[in-house]
Amino acid sequence: MSDVFSKDDVNVPHINLKHFPSLSEEQNAALVAALTKAVMEVVQCNESAISIALEPIEKDAWNEQVYIPEIINRKHLLHKQPGY
């Protein structure tokens, strides 16, 4: 399998942000811009190396799709705990 990123990309971050409620296109754009800027500064990578997915989740599905599998069952990966 060939590499999908440039050999010059030392750091290749991917962010998958799950959220509710849904965001407007303007909010999506602002969030992506802010995350991109923060990742570039902290991780020291090129903008072209960053990928960001925004995944709206229905409120009624949050426990089943996010809270239990990703917050409870993968607690060892969390760097910020929710306050709920």
N, C-alpha and C. Protein backbone atom coordinates (compact mmCIF):
# COMPACT_ATOMS: atom_id res chain seq x y z
N MET A 1 0.84 -1.18 0.00
CA MET A 1 0.00 0.00 0.00
C MET A 1 0.89 1.24 0.00
N SER A 2 0.62 2.17 -0.87
CA SER A 2 1.43 3.38 -0.94
C SER A 2 0.96 4.40 0.09
N ASP A 3 1.87 5.27 0.48
CA ASP A 3 1.54 6.33 1.42
C ASP A 3 0.60 7.33 0.76
N VAL A 4 -0.35 7.83 1.54
CA VAL A 4 -1.31 8.79 1.02
C VAL A 4 -0.92 10.22 1.35
N PHE A 5 0.17 10.39 2.07
CA PHE A 5 0.62 11.73 2.43
C PHE A 5 2.01 11.97 1.87
N SER A 6 2.40 13.21 1.82
CA SER A 6 3.70 13.60 1.29
C SER A 6 4.82 13.10 2.20
N LYS A 7 5.93 12.74 1.61
CA LYS A 7 7.08 12.30 2.42
C LYS A 7 7.61 13.44 3.29
N ASP A 8 7.23 14.68 2.96
CA ASP A 8 7.66 15.83 3.75
C ASP A 8 6.77 16.04 4.98
N ASP A 9 5.61 15.38 5.02
CA ASP A 9 4.69 15.52 6.15
C ASP A 9 5.14 14.60 7.28
N VAL A 10 5.75 15.20 8.30
CA VAL A 10 6.23 14.43 9.44
C VAL A 10 5.07 14.15 10.40
N ASN A 11 4.19 15.11 10.57
CA ASN A 11 3.02 14.98 11.43
C ASN A 11 1.77 15.04 10.57
N VAL A 12 0.91 14.04 10.71
CA VAL A 12 -0.29 13.97 9.90
C VAL A 12 -1.49 13.74 10.82
N PRO A 13 -2.08 14.82 11.36
CA PRO A 13 -3.21 14.69 12.28
C PRO A 13 -4.56 14.59 11.57
N HIS A 14 -5.44 13.81 12.17
CA HIS A 14 -6.83 13.72 11.72
C HIS A 14 -7.72 13.95 12.93
N ILE A 15 -8.72 14.79 12.78
CA ILE A 15 -9.68 15.08 13.85
C ILE A 15 -11.05 14.64 13.39
N ASN A 16 -11.74 13.88 14.24
CA ASN A 16 -13.13 13.51 13.97
C ASN A 16 -13.95 14.04 15.14
N LEU A 17 -14.67 15.11 14.91
CA LEU A 17 -15.43 15.78 15.96
C LEU A 17 -16.90 15.41 15.83
N LYS A 18 -17.43 14.74 16.84
CA LYS A 18 -18.84 14.38 16.89
C LYS A 18 -19.53 15.37 17.80
N HIS A 19 -20.72 15.81 17.42
CA HIS A 19 -21.36 16.89 18.18
C HIS A 19 -22.86 16.89 17.98
N PHE A 20 -23.55 17.53 18.89
CA PHE A 20 -24.95 17.92 18.71
C PHE A 20 -25.11 19.23 19.42
N PRO A 21 -26.00 20.09 18.96
CA PRO A 21 -26.84 19.96 17.77
C PRO A 21 -26.02 20.20 16.51
N SER A 22 -26.67 20.07 15.36
CA SER A 22 -26.01 20.36 14.09
C SER A 22 -25.58 21.82 14.05
N LEU A 23 -24.53 22.08 13.32
CA LEU A 23 -23.99 23.43 13.18
C LEU A 23 -24.34 23.99 11.80
N SER A 24 -24.39 25.30 11.71
CA SER A 24 -24.60 25.94 10.41
C SER A 24 -23.31 25.83 9.59
N GLU A 25 -23.41 26.08 8.31
CA GLU A 25 -22.22 26.06 7.45
C GLU A 25 -21.19 27.09 7.95
N GLU A 26 -21.68 28.24 8.40
CA GLU A 26 -20.78 29.28 8.92
C GLU A 26 -20.07 28.77 10.19
N GLN A 27 -20.80 28.12 11.07
CA GLN A 27 -20.19 27.56 12.29
C GLN A 27 -19.20 26.45 11.93
N ASN A 28 -19.55 25.60 10.97
CA ASN A 28 -18.63 24.55 10.52
C ASN A 28 -17.32 25.16 10.03
N ALA A 29 -17.43 26.18 9.19
CA ALA A 29 -16.24 26.83 8.63
C ALA A 29 -15.39 27.46 9.73
N ALA A 30 -16.03 28.13 10.69
CA ALA A 30 -15.29 28.77 11.79
C ALA A 30 -14.61 27.72 12.66
N LEU A 31 -15.29 26.62 12.92
CA LEU A 31 -14.72 25.55 13.74
C LEU A 31 -13.53 24.90 13.04
N VAL A 32 -13.67 24.61 11.76
CA VAL A 32 -12.58 24.01 11.00
C VAL A 32 -11.38 24.96 10.95
N ALA A 33 -11.62 26.24 10.76
CA ALA A 33 -10.52 27.21 10.72
C ALA A 33 -9.80 27.27 12.06
N ALA A 34 -10.56 27.30 13.16
CA ALA A 34 -9.96 27.37 14.50
C ALA A 34 -9.18 26.10 14.82
N LEU A 35 -9.75 24.95 14.51
CA LEU A 35 -9.05 23.68 14.77
C LEU A 35 -7.78 23.58 13.93
N THR A 36 -7.88 23.96 12.67
CA THR A 36 -6.72 23.92 11.78
C THR A 36 -5.60 24.79 12.31
N LYS A 37 -5.92 26.01 12.70
CA LYS A 37 -4.91 26.93 13.24
C LYS A 37 -4.26 26.36 14.50
N ALA A 38 -5.07 25.83 15.41
CA ALA A 38 -4.54 25.28 16.66
C ALA A 38 -3.64 24.08 16.39
N VAL A 39 -4.07 23.19 15.50
CA VAL A 39 -3.29 21.99 15.20
C VAL A 39 -1.97 22.37 14.53
N MET A 40 -2.00 23.31 13.60
CA MET A 40 -0.77 23.74 12.94
C MET A 40 0.23 24.30 13.95
N GLU A 41 -0.26 25.10 14.91
CA GLU A 41 0.61 25.71 15.91
C GLU A 41 1.18 24.67 16.88
N VAL A 42 0.35 23.77 17.37
CA VAL A 42 0.77 22.83 18.40
C VAL A 42 1.53 21.64 17.83
N VAL A 43 1.02 21.08 16.74
CA VAL A 43 1.60 19.86 16.18
C VAL A 43 2.76 20.18 15.23
N GLN A 44 2.83 21.43 14.80
CA GLN A 44 3.88 21.87 13.88
C GLN A 44 3.82 21.09 12.56
N CYS A 45 2.68 21.23 11.89
CA CYS A 45 2.51 20.55 10.61
C CYS A 45 1.97 21.52 9.58
N ASN A 46 2.01 21.10 8.34
CA ASN A 46 1.46 21.89 7.25
C ASN A 46 -0.05 21.79 7.26
N GLU A 47 -0.71 22.84 6.83
CA GLU A 47 -2.16 22.82 6.74
C GLU A 47 -2.64 21.67 5.86
N SER A 48 -1.90 21.38 4.80
CA SER A 48 -2.31 20.32 3.87
C SER A 48 -2.25 18.93 4.49
N ALA A 49 -1.60 18.78 5.63
CA ALA A 49 -1.50 17.47 6.28
C ALA A 49 -2.69 17.19 7.19
N ILE A 50 -3.49 18.20 7.49
CA ILE A 50 -4.58 18.08 8.46
C ILE A 50 -5.87 17.68 7.75
N SER A 51 -6.57 16.72 8.35
CA SER A 51 -7.92 16.40 7.89
C SER A 51 -8.86 16.50 9.07
N ILE A 52 -10.06 17.02 8.81
CA ILE A 52 -11.04 17.25 9.87
C ILE A 52 -12.40 16.77 9.38
N ALA A 53 -13.03 15.91 10.17
CA ALA A 53 -14.40 15.46 9.89
C ALA A 53 -15.31 16.00 10.99
N LEU A 54 -16.42 16.55 10.60
CA LEU A 54 -17.44 17.02 11.54
C LEU A 54 -18.64 16.11 11.39
N GLU A 55 -19.00 15.45 12.48
CA GLU A 55 -20.06 14.44 12.41
C GLU A 55 -21.18 14.77 13.39
N PRO A 56 -22.26 15.37 12.89
CA PRO A 56 -23.38 15.64 13.79
C PRO A 56 -24.06 14.33 14.18
N ILE A 57 -24.40 14.24 15.46
CA ILE A 57 -25.07 13.06 16.01
C ILE A 57 -26.40 13.53 16.59
N GLU A 58 -27.44 12.79 16.36
CA GLU A 58 -28.73 13.12 16.95
C GLU A 58 -28.64 13.00 18.47
N LYS A 59 -29.25 13.94 19.17
CA LYS A 59 -29.19 13.94 20.64
C LYS A 59 -29.66 12.61 21.23
N ASP A 60 -30.70 12.04 20.66
CA ASP A 60 -31.23 10.77 21.16
C ASP A 60 -30.27 9.61 20.94
N ALA A 61 -29.31 9.76 20.05
CA ALA A 61 -28.35 8.69 19.75
C ALA A 61 -27.00 8.90 20.45
N TRP A 62 -26.85 10.02 21.17
CA TRP A 62 -25.55 10.37 21.75
C TRP A 62 -25.00 9.28 22.68
N ASN A 63 -25.81 8.80 23.60
CA ASN A 63 -25.33 7.77 24.53
C ASN A 63 -24.86 6.53 23.80
N GLU A 64 -25.65 6.06 22.87
CA GLU A 64 -25.35 4.82 22.16
C GLU A 64 -24.17 4.97 21.20
N GLN A 65 -24.10 6.09 20.48
CA GLN A 65 -23.09 6.26 19.43
C GLN A 65 -21.80 6.92 19.90
N VAL A 66 -21.88 7.71 20.99
CA VAL A 66 -20.69 8.46 21.42
C VAL A 66 -20.33 8.19 22.88
N TYR A 67 -21.24 8.49 23.79
CA TYR A 67 -20.90 8.45 25.22
C TYR A 67 -20.40 7.08 25.67
N ILE A 68 -21.14 6.04 25.40
CA ILE A 68 -20.72 4.71 25.87
C ILE A 68 -19.50 4.20 25.10
N PRO A 69 -19.53 4.16 23.76
CA PRO A 69 -18.38 3.57 23.06
C PRO A 69 -17.10 4.40 23.08
N GLU A 70 -17.23 5.73 23.13
CA GLU A 70 -16.03 6.56 22.99
C GLU A 70 -15.60 7.26 24.27
N ILE A 71 -16.53 7.58 25.13
CA ILE A 71 -16.16 8.28 26.37
C ILE A 71 -15.99 7.29 27.51
N ILE A 72 -16.92 6.39 27.66
CA ILE A 72 -16.82 5.39 28.73
C ILE A 72 -15.81 4.29 28.35
N ASN A 73 -16.03 3.64 27.21
CA ASN A 73 -15.21 2.49 26.84
C ASN A 73 -13.81 2.84 26.36
N ARG A 74 -13.56 4.08 26.03
CA ARG A 74 -12.22 4.50 25.57
C ARG A 74 -11.69 5.62 26.45
N LYS A 75 -12.05 5.57 27.71
CA LYS A 75 -11.67 6.62 28.67
C LYS A 75 -10.15 6.83 28.70
N HIS A 76 -9.41 5.78 28.46
CA HIS A 76 -7.94 5.87 28.49
C HIS A 76 -7.39 6.79 27.40
N LEU A 77 -8.19 7.10 26.39
CA LEU A 77 -7.75 7.99 25.32
C LEU A 77 -8.18 9.44 25.51
N LEU A 78 -9.10 9.68 26.44
CA LEU A 78 -9.60 11.04 26.65
C LEU A 78 -8.55 11.92 27.32
N HIS A 79 -8.42 13.12 26.81
CA HIS A 79 -7.53 14.10 27.43
C HIS A 79 -8.31 15.23 28.07
N LYS A 80 -9.60 15.23 27.84
CA LYS A 80 -10.51 16.15 28.50
C LYS A 80 -11.81 15.41 28.75
N GLN A 81 -12.18 15.30 30.00
CA GLN A 81 -13.41 14.62 30.38
C GLN A 81 -14.59 15.59 30.29
N PRO A 82 -15.76 15.10 29.85
CA PRO A 82 -16.94 15.97 29.86
C PRO A 82 -17.42 16.19 31.28
N GLY A 83 -18.13 17.27 31.49
CA GLY A 83 -18.65 17.59 32.82
C GLY A 83 -20.07 17.15 33.05
N TYR A 84 -20.58 16.27 32.21
CA TYR A 84 -21.96 15.79 32.40
C TYR A 84 -21.96 14.37 32.88
